Amino acid sequence: MPDLKWSDSEKKIARRAFDAALDAALAEVIAEFKAKAAAVATPLDMWAIEDHLRQRRRTLEALFDYRYSQLCFVFAQLIHLGHVSEEQIAGLSEEKLSIIRDMCDRMKRL
């Protein structure tokens, strides 16, 4: 991927979309946790929740990588997974949007 430069306005757009997606993903994890915790009946159930949370954390940490060198790929993944819409990243340069769209298309084909 080319070495892309991010303008101040693009950084603000990216941060806003990224944070909204992260907040939504974390709210989903919290809701899952509450439902699972309410159903705990044994110590084994409790440890299963811990294992699940640890895995979810790893997954989210891998997905939500806010390095400018990775953001096009991150946004493509987030769009593919339904966490971000293209409207949320409108205002990024056409070069970045084109890269993101191309990556989304490739993910659809997998």
PDB file of N, CA and C in Angstrom:
ATOM      1  N   MET A   1       0.850  -1.172   0.000  1.00  0.00           N
ATOM      2  CA  MET A   1       0.000   0.000   0.000  1.00  0.00           C
ATOM      3  C   MET A   1       0.893   1.231   0.000  1.00  0.00           C
ATOM      4  N   PRO A   2       0.523   2.238  -0.771  1.00  0.00           N
ATOM      5  CA  PRO A   2       1.363   3.431  -0.817  1.00  0.00           C
ATOM      6  C   PRO A   2       1.410   4.124   0.540  1.00  0.00           C
ATOM      7  N   ASP A   3       2.449   4.924   0.717  1.00  0.00           N
ATOM      8  CA  ASP A   3       2.594   5.696   1.949  1.00  0.00           C
ATOM      9  C   ASP A   3       1.626   6.878   1.861  1.00  0.00           C
ATOM     10  N   LEU A   4       0.483   6.757   2.499  1.00  0.00           N
ATOM     11  CA  LEU A   4      -0.569   7.762   2.396  1.00  0.00           C
ATOM     12  C   LEU A   4      -0.390   8.842   3.458  1.00  0.00           C
ATOM     13  N   LYS A   5      -0.613  10.052   3.069  1.00  0.00           N
ATOM     14  CA  LYS A   5      -0.582  11.184   3.998  1.00  0.00           C
ATOM     15  C   LYS A   5      -2.023  11.498   4.393  1.00  0.00           C
ATOM     16  N   TRP A   6      -2.222  11.782   5.656  1.00  0.00           N
ATOM     17  CA  TRP A   6      -3.548  12.077   6.185  1.00  0.00           C
ATOM     18  C   TRP A   6      -3.612  13.551   6.583  1.00  0.00           C
ATOM     19  N   SER A   7      -4.553  14.284   5.984  1.00  0.00           N
ATOM     20  CA  SER A   7      -4.734  15.688   6.347  1.00  0.00           C
ATOM     21  C   SER A   7      -5.401  15.759   7.722  1.00  0.00           C
ATOM     22  N   ASP A   8      -5.389  16.938   8.312  1.00  0.00           N
ATOM     23  CA  ASP A   8      -6.032  17.111   9.616  1.00  0.00           C
ATOM     24  C   ASP A   8      -7.520  16.776   9.549  1.00  0.00           C
ATOM     25  N   SER A   9      -8.191  17.208   8.480  1.00  0.00           N
ATOM     26  CA  SER A   9      -9.633  16.916   8.370  1.00  0.00           C
ATOM     27  C   SER A   9      -9.870  15.419   8.182  1.00  0.00           C
ATOM     28  N   GLU A  10      -9.008  14.748   7.436  1.00  0.00           N
ATOM     29  CA  GLU A  10      -9.140  13.297   7.267  1.00  0.00           C
ATOM     30  C   GLU A  10      -8.903  12.568   8.587  1.00  0.00           C
ATOM     31  N   LYS A  11      -7.961  13.056   9.365  1.00  0.00           N
ATOM     32  CA  LYS A  11      -7.695  12.448  10.674  1.00  0.00           C
ATOM     33  C   LYS A  11      -8.915  12.561  11.579  1.00  0.00           C
ATOM     34  N   LYS A  12      -9.603  13.698  11.523  1.00  0.00           N
ATOM     35  CA  LYS A  12     -10.810  13.883  12.336  1.00  0.00           C
ATOM     36  C   LYS A  12     -11.928  12.960  11.878  1.00  0.00           C
ATOM     37  N   ILE A  13     -12.115  12.839  10.574  1.00  0.00           N
ATOM     38  CA  ILE A  13     -13.137  11.941  10.015  1.00  0.00           C
ATOM     39  C   ILE A  13     -12.833  10.502  10.414  1.00  0.00           C
ATOM     40  N   ALA A  14     -11.576  10.112  10.249  1.00  0.00           N
ATOM     41  CA  ALA A  14     -11.163   8.739  10.566  1.00  0.00           C
ATOM     42  C   ALA A  14     -11.350   8.449  12.051  1.00  0.00           C
ATOM     43  N   ARG A  15     -10.950   9.377  12.897  1.00  0.00           N
ATOM     44  CA  ARG A  15     -11.063   9.161  14.343  1.00  0.00           C
ATOM     45  C   ARG A  15     -12.528   9.034  14.756  1.00  0.00           C
ATOM     46  N   ARG A  16     -13.380   9.880  14.192  1.00  0.00           N
ATOM     47  CA  ARG A  16     -14.803   9.850  14.535  1.00  0.00           C
ATOM     48  C   ARG A  16     -15.430   8.509  14.128  1.00  0.00           C
ATOM     49  N   ALA A  17     -15.145   8.049  12.904  1.00  0.00           N
ATOM     50  CA  ALA A  17     -15.694   6.772  12.428  1.00  0.00           C
ATOM     51  C   ALA A  17     -15.125   5.602  13.229  1.00  0.00           C
ATOM     52  N   PHE A  18     -13.837   5.637  13.477  1.00  0.00           N
ATOM     53  CA  PHE A  18     -13.163   4.580  14.235  1.00  0.00           C
ATOM     54  C   PHE A  18     -13.747   4.473  15.641  1.00  0.00           C
ATOM     55  N   ASP A  19     -13.841   5.615  16.323  1.00  0.00           N
ATOM     56  CA  ASP A  19     -14.346   5.613  17.700  1.00  0.00           C
ATOM     57  C   ASP A  19     -15.798   5.147  17.767  1.00  0.00           C
ATOM     58  N   ALA A  20     -16.614   5.558  16.807  1.00  0.00           N
ATOM     59  CA  ALA A  20     -18.016   5.126  16.795  1.00  0.00           C
ATOM     60  C   ALA A  20     -18.105   3.612  16.621  1.00  0.00           C
ATOM     61  N   ALA A  21     -17.287   3.059  15.730  1.00  0.00           N
ATOM     62  CA  ALA A  21     -17.291   1.613  15.507  1.00  0.00           C
ATOM     63  C   ALA A  21     -16.790   0.867  16.746  1.00  0.00           C
ATOM     64  N   LEU A  22     -15.745   1.378  17.369  1.00  0.00           N
ATOM     65  CA  LEU A  22     -15.207   0.746  18.574  1.00  0.00           C
ATOM     66  C   LEU A  22     -16.235   0.792  19.700  1.00  0.00           C
ATOM     67  N   ASP A  23     -16.874   1.944  19.886  1.00  0.00           N
ATOM     68  CA  ASP A  23     -17.900   2.062  20.929  1.00  0.00           C
ATOM     69  C   ASP A  23     -19.027   1.063  20.704  1.00  0.00           C
ATOM     70  N   ALA A  24     -19.465   0.915  19.460  1.00  0.00           N
ATOM     71  CA  ALA A  24     -20.549  -0.030  19.148  1.00  0.00           C
ATOM     72  C   ALA A  24     -20.106  -1.471  19.402  1.00  0.00           C
ATOM     73  N   ALA A  25     -18.880  -1.793  19.018  1.00  0.00           N
ATOM     74  CA  ALA A  25     -18.372  -3.153  19.231  1.00  0.00           C
ATOM     75  C   ALA A  25     -18.249  -3.457  20.721  1.00  0.00           C
ATOM     76  N   LEU A  26     -17.773  -2.494  21.490  1.00  0.00           N
ATOM     77  CA  LEU A  26     -17.650  -2.702  22.936  1.00  0.00           C
ATOM     78  C   LEU A  26     -19.015  -2.803  23.607  1.00  0.00           C
ATOM     79  N   ALA A  27     -19.984  -2.031  23.137  1.00  0.00           N
ATOM     80  CA  ALA A  27     -21.347  -2.130  23.680  1.00  0.00           C
ATOM     81  C   ALA A  27     -21.918  -3.516  23.414  1.00  0.00           C
ATOM     82  N   GLU A  28     -21.599  -4.071  22.260  1.00  0.00           N
ATOM     83  CA  GLU A  28     -22.038  -5.433  21.925  1.00  0.00           C
ATOM     84  C   GLU A  28     -21.410  -6.457  22.866  1.00  0.00           C
ATOM     85  N   VAL A  29     -20.134  -6.295  23.147  1.00  0.00           N
ATOM     86  CA  VAL A  29     -19.441  -7.205  24.065  1.00  0.00           C
ATOM     87  C   VAL A  29     -20.028  -7.089  25.476  1.00  0.00           C
ATOM     88  N   ILE A  30     -20.306  -5.882  25.903  1.00  0.00           N
ATOM     89  CA  ILE A  30     -20.896  -5.680  27.229  1.00  0.00           C
ATOM     90  C   ILE A  30     -22.257  -6.353  27.316  1.00  0.00           C
ATOM     91  N   ALA A  31     -23.071  -6.196  26.278  1.00  0.00           N
ATOM     92  CA  ALA A  31     -24.391  -6.836  26.275  1.00  0.00           C
ATOM     93  C   ALA A  31     -24.263  -8.360  26.323  1.00  0.00           C
ATOM     94  N   GLU A  32     -23.318  -8.906  25.544  1.00  0.00           N
ATOM     95  CA  GLU A  32     -23.076 -10.356  25.573  1.00  0.00           C
ATOM     96  C   GLU A  32     -22.652 -10.795  26.977  1.00  0.00           C
ATOM     97  N   PHE A  33     -21.737 -10.032  27.568  1.00  0.00           N
ATOM     98  CA  PHE A  33     -21.242 -10.351  28.902  1.00  0.00           C
ATOM     99  C   PHE A  33     -22.380 -10.371  29.926  1.00  0.00           C
ATOM    100  N   LYS A  34     -23.215  -9.351  29.896  1.00  0.00           N
ATOM    101  CA  LYS A  34     -24.322  -9.276  30.850  1.00  0.00           C
ATOM    102  C   LYS A  34     -25.261 -10.471  30.699  1.00  0.00           C
ATOM    103  N   ALA A  35     -25.559 -10.840  29.465  1.00  0.00           N
ATOM    104  CA  ALA A  35     -26.453 -11.976  29.231  1.00  0.00           C
ATOM    105  C   ALA A  35     -25.815 -13.269  29.726  1.00  0.00           C
ATOM    106  N   LYS A  36     -24.537 -13.446  29.420  1.00  0.00           N
ATOM    107  CA  LYS A  36     -23.852 -14.665  29.854  1.00  0.00           C
ATOM    108  C   LYS A  36     -23.705 -14.700  31.376  1.00  0.00           C
ATOM    109  N   ALA A  37     -23.384 -13.559  31.979  1.00  0.00           N
ATOM    110  CA  ALA A  37     -23.210 -13.505  33.431  1.00  0.00           C
ATOM    111  C   ALA A  37     -24.526 -13.807  34.145  1.00  0.00           C
ATOM    112  N   ALA A  38     -25.614 -13.339  33.589  1.00  0.00           N
ATOM    113  CA  ALA A  38     -26.920 -13.590  34.211  1.00  0.00           C
ATOM    114  C   ALA A  38     -27.273 -15.071  34.177  1.00  0.00           C
ATOM    115  N   ALA A  39     -26.696 -15.814  33.239  1.00  0.00           N
ATOM    116  CA  ALA A  39     -27.003 -17.233  33.094  1.00  0.00           C
ATOM    117  C   ALA A  39     -26.016 -18.144  33.822  1.00  0.00           C
ATOM    118  N   VAL A  40     -25.034 -17.568  34.493  1.00  0.00           N
ATOM    119  CA  VAL A  40     -24.026 -18.381  35.184  1.00  0.00           C
ATOM    120  C   VAL A  40     -24.677 -19.184  36.301  1.00  0.00           C
ATOM    121  N   ALA A  41     -24.383 -20.496  36.279  1.00  0.00           N
ATOM    122  CA  ALA A  41     -24.920 -21.383  37.312  1.00  0.00           C
ATOM    123  C   ALA A  41     -23.812 -22.145  38.040  1.00  0.00           C
ATOM    124  N   THR A  42     -22.654 -22.246  37.400  1.00  0.00           N
ATOM    125  CA  THR A  42     -21.557 -23.004  38.000  1.00  0.00           C
ATOM    126  C   THR A  42     -20.247 -22.241  37.818  1.00  0.00           C
ATOM    127  N   PRO A  43     -19.226 -22.597  38.599  1.00  0.00           N
ATOM    128  CA  PRO A  43     -17.913 -21.975  38.384  1.00  0.00           C
ATOM    129  C   PRO A  43     -17.399 -22.194  36.960  1.00  0.00           C
ATOM    130  N   LEU A  44     -17.690 -23.343  36.393  1.00  0.00           N
ATOM    131  CA  LEU A  44     -17.268 -23.618  35.020  1.00  0.00           C
ATOM    132  C   LEU A  44     -17.881 -22.610  34.046  1.00  0.00           C
ATOM    133  N   ASP A  45     -19.142 -22.252  34.268  1.00  0.00           N
ATOM    134  CA  ASP A  45     -19.796 -21.231  33.439  1.00  0.00           C
ATOM    135  C   ASP A  45     -19.061 -19.894  33.558  1.00  0.00           C
ATOM    136  N   MET A  46     -18.642 -19.572  34.775  1.00  0.00           N
ATOM    137  CA  MET A  46     -17.945 -18.308  35.016  1.00  0.00           C
ATOM    138  C   MET A  46     -16.620 -18.268  34.253  1.00  0.00           C
ATOM    139  N   TRP A  47     -15.862 -19.358  34.303  1.00  0.00           N
ATOM    140  CA  TRP A  47     -14.576 -19.381  33.612  1.00  0.00           C
ATOM    141  C   TRP A  47     -14.764 -19.388  32.105  1.00  0.00           C
ATOM    142  N   ALA A  48     -15.847 -19.927  31.640  1.00  0.00           N
ATOM    143  CA  ALA A  48     -16.128 -19.896  30.203  1.00  0.00           C
ATOM    144  C   ALA A  48     -16.329 -18.454  29.733  1.00  0.00           C
ATOM    145  N   ILE A  49     -16.946 -17.650  30.582  1.00  0.00           N
ATOM    146  CA  ILE A  49     -17.119 -16.237  30.248  1.00  0.00           C
ATOM    147  C   ILE A  49     -15.762 -15.547  30.163  1.00  0.00           C
ATOM    148  N   GLU A  50     -14.899 -15.858  31.105  1.00  0.00           N
ATOM    149  CA  GLU A  50     -13.557 -15.268  31.074  1.00  0.00           C
ATOM    150  C   GLU A  50     -12.847 -15.628  29.769  1.00  0.00           C
ATOM    151  N   ASP A  51     -12.916 -16.888  29.384  1.00  0.00           N
ATOM    152  CA  ASP A  51     -12.282 -17.320  28.132  1.00  0.00           C
ATOM    153  C   ASP A  51     -12.874 -16.582  26.935  1.00  0.00           C
ATOM    154  N   HIS A  52     -14.191 -16.468  26.931  1.00  0.00           N
ATOM    155  CA  HIS A  52     -14.873 -15.770  25.839  1.00  0.00           C
ATOM    156  C   HIS A  52     -14.435 -14.307  25.777  1.00  0.00           C
ATOM    157  N   LEU A  53     -14.387 -13.641  26.927  1.00  0.00           N
ATOM    158  CA  LEU A  53     -13.980 -12.239  26.947  1.00  0.00           C
ATOM    159  C   LEU A  53     -12.533 -12.061  26.486  1.00  0.00           C
ATOM    160  N   ARG A  54     -11.680 -12.962  26.902  1.00  0.00           N
ATOM    161  CA  ARG A  54     -10.276 -12.879  26.488  1.00  0.00           C
ATOM    162  C   ARG A  54     -10.166 -12.992  24.963  1.00  0.00           C
ATOM    163  N   GLN A  55     -10.912 -13.915  24.377  1.00  0.00           N
ATOM    164  CA  GLN A  55     -10.886 -14.085  22.921  1.00  0.00           C
ATOM    165  C   GLN A  55     -11.466 -12.862  22.214  1.00  0.00           C
ATOM    166  N   ARG A  56     -12.564 -12.343  22.719  1.00  0.00           N
ATOM    167  CA  ARG A  56     -13.178 -11.149  22.121  1.00  0.00           C
ATOM    168  C   ARG A  56     -12.206  -9.962  22.193  1.00  0.00           C
ATOM    169  N   ARG A  57     -11.517  -9.848  23.316  1.00  0.00           N
ATOM    170  CA  ARG A  57     -10.561  -8.745  23.460  1.00  0.00           C
ATOM    171  C   ARG A  57      -9.448  -8.864  22.425  1.00  0.00           C
ATOM    172  N   ARG A  58      -8.911 -10.051  22.256  1.00  0.00           N
ATOM    173  CA  ARG A  58      -7.859 -10.258  21.243  1.00  0.00           C
ATOM    174  C   ARG A  58      -8.357  -9.898  19.851  1.00  0.00           C
ATOM    175  N   THR A  59      -9.566 -10.337  19.545  1.00  0.00           N
ATOM    176  CA  THR A  59     -10.148 -10.057  18.235  1.00  0.00           C
ATOM    177  C   THR A  59     -10.316  -8.553  18.018  1.00  0.00           C
ATOM    178  N   LEU A  60     -10.859  -7.874  19.023  1.00  0.00           N
ATOM    179  CA  LEU A  60     -11.067  -6.431  18.899  1.00  0.00           C
ATOM    180  C   LEU A  60      -9.752  -5.672  18.835  1.00  0.00           C
ATOM    181  N   GLU A  61      -8.775  -6.078  19.620  1.00  0.00           N
ATOM    182  CA  GLU A  61      -7.478  -5.400  19.583  1.00  0.00           C
ATOM    183  C   GLU A  61      -6.799  -5.567  18.229  1.00  0.00           C
ATOM    184  N   ALA A  62      -6.980  -6.723  17.609  1.00  0.00           N
ATOM    185  CA  ALA A  62      -6.404  -6.945  16.287  1.00  0.00           C
ATOM    186  C   ALA A  62      -7.137  -6.133  15.222  1.00  0.00           C
ATOM    187  N   LEU A  63      -8.443  -6.025  15.346  1.00  0.00           N
ATOM    188  CA  LEU A  63      -9.251  -5.317  14.358  1.00  0.00           C
ATOM    189  C   LEU A  63      -9.104  -3.807  14.471  1.00  0.00           C
ATOM    190  N   PHE A  64      -9.164  -3.286  15.678  1.00  0.00           N
ATOM    191  CA  PHE A  64      -9.163  -1.839  15.889  1.00  0.00           C
ATOM    192  C   PHE A  64      -7.735  -1.337  16.090  1.00  0.00           C
ATOM    193  N   ASP A  65      -7.044  -1.178  14.983  1.00  0.00           N
ATOM    194  CA  ASP A  65      -5.644  -0.761  14.958  1.00  0.00           C
ATOM    195  C   ASP A  65      -5.584   0.645  14.360  1.00  0.00           C
ATOM    196  N   TYR A  66      -5.457   1.650  15.204  1.00  0.00           N
ATOM    197  CA  TYR A  66      -5.484   3.031  14.726  1.00  0.00           C
ATOM    198  C   TYR A  66      -4.077   3.540  14.419  1.00  0.00           C
ATOM    199  N   ARG A  67      -3.455   2.897  13.472  1.00  0.00           N
ATOM    200  CA  ARG A  67      -2.206   3.416  12.915  1.00  0.00           C
ATOM    201  C   ARG A  67      -2.545   3.872  11.505  1.00  0.00           C
ATOM    202  N   TYR A  68      -2.112   5.047  11.141  1.00  0.00           N
ATOM    203  CA  TYR A  68      -2.466   5.574   9.825  1.00  0.00           C
ATOM    204  C   TYR A  68      -2.038   4.640   8.708  1.00  0.00           C
ATOM    205  N   SER A  69      -0.959   3.926   8.902  1.00  0.00           N
ATOM    206  CA  SER A  69      -0.503   2.986   7.876  1.00  0.00           C
ATOM    207  C   SER A  69      -1.466   1.811   7.711  1.00  0.00           C
ATOM    208  N   GLN A  70      -2.334   1.592   8.683  1.00  0.00           N
ATOM    209  CA  GLN A  70      -3.259   0.459   8.652  1.00  0.00           C
ATOM    210  C   GLN A  70      -4.717   0.861   8.448  1.00  0.00           C
ATOM    211  N   LEU A  71      -5.021   2.145   8.535  1.00  0.00           N
ATOM    212  CA  LEU A  71      -6.419   2.573   8.584  1.00  0.00           C
ATOM    213  C   LEU A  71      -7.242   2.190   7.360  1.00  0.00           C
ATOM    214  N   CYS A  72      -6.682   2.230   6.176  1.00  0.00           N
ATOM    215  CA  CYS A  72      -7.476   1.832   5.001  1.00  0.00           C
ATOM    216  C   CYS A  72      -7.914   0.381   5.142  1.00  0.00           C
ATOM    217  N   PHE A  73      -7.001  -0.479   5.538  1.00  0.00           N
ATOM    218  CA  PHE A  73      -7.348  -1.887   5.743  1.00  0.00           C
ATOM    219  C   PHE A  73      -8.349  -2.045   6.876  1.00  0.00           C
ATOM    220  N   VAL A  74      -8.150  -1.311   7.963  1.00  0.00           N
ATOM    221  CA  VAL A  74      -9.065  -1.373   9.109  1.00  0.00           C
ATOM    222  C   VAL A  74     -10.467  -0.950   8.679  1.00  0.00           C
ATOM    223  N   PHE A  75     -10.565   0.170   7.954  1.00  0.00           N
ATOM    224  CA  PHE A  75     -11.889   0.621   7.521  1.00  0.00           C
ATOM    225  C   PHE A  75     -12.528  -0.357   6.548  1.00  0.00           C
ATOM    226  N   ALA A  76     -11.744  -0.966   5.697  1.00  0.00           N
ATOM    227  CA  ALA A  76     -12.303  -1.979   4.793  1.00  0.00           C
ATOM    228  C   ALA A  76     -12.890  -3.139   5.600  1.00  0.00           C
ATOM    229  N   GLN A  77     -12.168  -3.586   6.603  1.00  0.00           N
ATOM    230  CA  GLN A  77     -12.677  -4.668   7.450  1.00  0.00           C
ATOM    231  C   GLN A  77     -13.935  -4.235   8.197  1.00  0.00           C
ATOM    232  N   LEU A  78     -13.912  -3.021   8.746  1.00  0.00           N
ATOM    233  CA  LEU A  78     -15.061  -2.535   9.512  1.00  0.00           C
ATOM    234  C   LEU A  78     -16.293  -2.364   8.624  1.00  0.00           C
ATOM    235  N   ILE A  79     -16.091  -1.923   7.396  1.00  0.00           N
ATOM    236  CA  ILE A  79     -17.212  -1.827   6.451  1.00  0.00           C
ATOM    237  C   ILE A  79     -17.710  -3.222   6.117  1.00  0.00           C
ATOM    238  N   HIS A  80     -16.787  -4.121   5.840  1.00  0.00           N
ATOM    239  CA  HIS A  80     -17.143  -5.506   5.502  1.00  0.00           C
ATOM    240  C   HIS A  80     -17.951  -6.164   6.630  1.00  0.00           C
ATOM    241  N   LEU A  81     -17.591  -5.873   7.862  1.00  0.00           N
ATOM    242  CA  LEU A  81     -18.270  -6.466   9.021  1.00  0.00           C
ATOM    243  C   LEU A  81     -19.523  -5.691   9.428  1.00  0.00           C
ATOM    244  N   GLY A  82     -19.773  -4.563   8.778  1.00  0.00           N
ATOM    245  CA  GLY A  82     -20.971  -3.780   9.074  1.00  0.00           C
ATOM    246  C   GLY A  82     -20.834  -2.820  10.237  1.00  0.00           C
ATOM    247  N   HIS A  83     -19.613  -2.549  10.677  1.00  0.00           N
ATOM    248  CA  HIS A  83     -19.392  -1.641  11.807  1.00  0.00           C
ATOM    249  C   HIS A  83     -19.254  -0.181  11.374  1.00  0.00           C
ATOM    250  N   VAL A  84     -18.927   0.033  10.101  1.00  0.00           N
ATOM    251  CA  VAL A  84     -18.751   1.385   9.559  1.00  0.00           C
ATOM    252  C   VAL A  84     -19.434   1.420   8.200  1.00  0.00           C
ATOM    253  N   SER A  85     -20.039   2.568   7.898  1.00  0.00           N
ATOM    254  CA  SER A  85     -20.614   2.753   6.562  1.00  0.00           C
ATOM    255  C   SER A  85     -19.695   3.676   5.773  1.00  0.00           C
ATOM    256  N   GLU A  86     -19.809   3.610   4.473  1.00  0.00           N
ATOM    257  CA  GLU A  86     -18.982   4.477   3.640  1.00  0.00           C
ATOM    258  C   GLU A  86     -19.311   5.947   3.897  1.00  0.00           C
ATOM    259  N   GLU A  87     -20.542   6.221   4.273  1.00  0.00           N
ATOM    260  CA  GLU A  87     -20.926   7.602   4.576  1.00  0.00           C
ATOM    261  C   GLU A  87     -20.125   8.149   5.758  1.00  0.00           C
ATOM    262  N   GLN A  88     -19.785   7.292   6.705  1.00  0.00           N
ATOM    263  CA  GLN A  88     -19.041   7.743   7.885  1.00  0.00           C
ATOM    264  C   GLN A  88     -17.614   8.162   7.555  1.00  0.00           C
ATOM    265  N   ILE A  89     -17.088   7.665   6.448  1.00  0.00           N
ATOM    266  CA  ILE A  89     -15.718   8.035   6.080  1.00  0.00           C
ATOM    267  C   ILE A  89     -15.685   8.955   4.861  1.00  0.00           C
ATOM    268  N   ALA A  90     -16.870   9.446   4.474  1.00  0.00           N
ATOM    269  CA  ALA A  90     -16.919  10.421   3.390  1.00  0.00           C
ATOM    270  C   ALA A  90     -16.077  11.619   3.794  1.00  0.00           C
ATOM    271  N   GLY A  91     -15.309  12.112   2.863  1.00  0.00           N
ATOM    272  CA  GLY A  91     -14.408  13.222   3.157  1.00  0.00           C
ATOM    273  C   GLY A  91     -12.954  12.799   3.130  1.00  0.00           C
ATOM    274  N   LEU A  92     -12.726  11.475   3.175  1.00  0.00           N
ATOM    275  CA  LEU A  92     -11.364  10.995   2.962  1.00  0.00           C
ATOM    276  C   LEU A  92     -11.032  11.204   1.494  1.00  0.00           C
ATOM    277  N   SER A  93      -9.767  11.255   1.173  1.00  0.00           N
ATOM    278  CA  SER A  93      -9.366  11.474  -0.221  1.00  0.00           C
ATOM    279  C   SER A  93      -9.894  10.346  -1.097  1.00  0.00           C
ATOM    280  N   GLU A  94     -10.075  10.652  -2.361  1.00  0.00           N
ATOM    281  CA  GLU A  94     -10.561   9.638  -3.303  1.00  0.00           C
ATOM    282  C   GLU A  94      -9.576   8.476  -3.388  1.00  0.00           C
ATOM    283  N   GLU A  95      -8.293   8.753  -3.234  1.00  0.00           N
ATOM    284  CA  GLU A  95      -7.285   7.680  -3.259  1.00  0.00           C
ATOM    285  C   GLU A  95      -7.524   6.690  -2.116  1.00  0.00           C
ATOM    286  N   LYS A  96      -7.759   7.205  -0.922  1.00  0.00           N
ATOM    287  CA  LYS A  96      -8.003   6.335   0.236  1.00  0.00           C
ATOM    288  C   LYS A  96      -9.318   5.582   0.068  1.00  0.00           C
ATOM    289  N   LEU A  97     -10.357   6.287  -0.365  1.00  0.00           N
ATOM    290  CA  LEU A  97     -11.659   5.621  -0.557  1.00  0.00           C
ATOM    291  C   LEU A  97     -11.566   4.521  -1.614  1.00  0.00           C
ATOM    292  N   SER A  98     -10.809   4.778  -2.658  1.00  0.00           N
ATOM    293  CA  SER A  98     -10.627   3.776  -3.711  1.00  0.00           C
ATOM    294  C   SER A  98      -9.918   2.533  -3.165  1.00  0.00           C
ATOM    295  N   ILE A  99      -8.905   2.739  -2.344  1.00  0.00           N
ATOM    296  CA  ILE A  99      -8.183   1.617  -1.725  1.00  0.00           C
ATOM    297  C   ILE A  99      -9.126   0.834  -0.819  1.00  0.00           C
ATOM    298  N   ILE A 100      -9.908   1.549  -0.029  1.00  0.00           N
ATOM    299  CA  ILE A 100     -10.849   0.900   0.890  1.00  0.00           C
ATOM    300  C   ILE A 100     -11.895   0.107   0.107  1.00  0.00           C
ATOM    301  N   ARG A 101     -12.453   0.704  -0.940  1.00  0.00           N
ATOM    302  CA  ARG A 101     -13.458   0.004  -1.764  1.00  0.00           C
ATOM    303  C   ARG A 101     -12.865  -1.256  -2.400  1.00  0.00           C
ATOM    304  N   ASP A 102     -11.649  -1.128  -2.912  1.00  0.00           N
ATOM    305  CA  ASP A 102     -10.989  -2.275  -3.535  1.00  0.00           C
ATOM    306  C   ASP A 102     -10.799  -3.406  -2.529  1.00  0.00           C
ATOM    307  N   MET A 103     -10.374  -3.066  -1.323  1.00  0.00           N
ATOM    308  CA  MET A 103     -10.197  -4.086  -0.282  1.00  0.00           C
ATOM    309  C   MET A 103     -11.536  -4.714   0.099  1.00  0.00           C
ATOM    310  N   CYS A 104     -12.573  -3.900   0.181  1.00  0.00           N
ATOM    311  CA  CYS A 104     -13.919  -4.427   0.492  1.00  0.00           C
ATOM    312  C   CYS A 104     -14.357  -5.420  -0.582  1.00  0.00           C
ATOM    313  N   ASP A 105     -14.136  -5.066  -1.833  1.00  0.00           N
ATOM    314  CA  ASP A 105     -14.490  -5.974  -2.934  1.00  0.00           C
ATOM    315  C   ASP A 105     -13.752  -7.300  -2.829  1.00  0.00           C
ATOM    316  N   ARG A 106     -12.473  -7.228  -2.493  1.00  0.00           N
ATOM    317  CA  ARG A 106     -11.687  -8.457  -2.335  1.00  0.00           C
ATOM    318  C   ARG A 106     -12.219  -9.305  -1.184  1.00  0.00           C
ATOM    319  N   MET A 107     -12.623  -8.662  -0.099  1.00  0.00           N
ATOM    320  CA  MET A 107     -13.156  -9.403   1.059  1.00  0.00           C
ATOM    321  C   MET A 107     -14.477 -10.077   0.717  1.00  0.00           C
ATOM    322  N   LYS A 108     -15.286  -9.435  -0.101  1.00  0.00           N
ATOM    323  CA  LYS A 108     -16.573 -10.015  -0.512  1.00  0.00           C
ATOM    324  C   LYS A 108     -16.355 -11.292  -1.313  1.00  0.00           C
ATOM    325  N   ARG A 109     -15.267 -11.319  -2.080  1.00  0.00           N
ATOM    326  CA  ARG A 109     -14.988 -12.480  -2.929  1.00  0.00           C
ATOM    327  C   ARG A 109     -14.418 -13.676  -2.157  1.00  0.00           C
ATOM    328  N   LEU A 110     -13.964 -13.433  -0.960  1.00  0.00           N
ATOM    329  CA  LEU A 110     -13.366 -14.533  -0.165  1.00  0.00           C
ATOM    330  C   LEU A 110     -14.418 -15.426   0.421  1.00  0.00           C
TER     331      LEU A 110
END
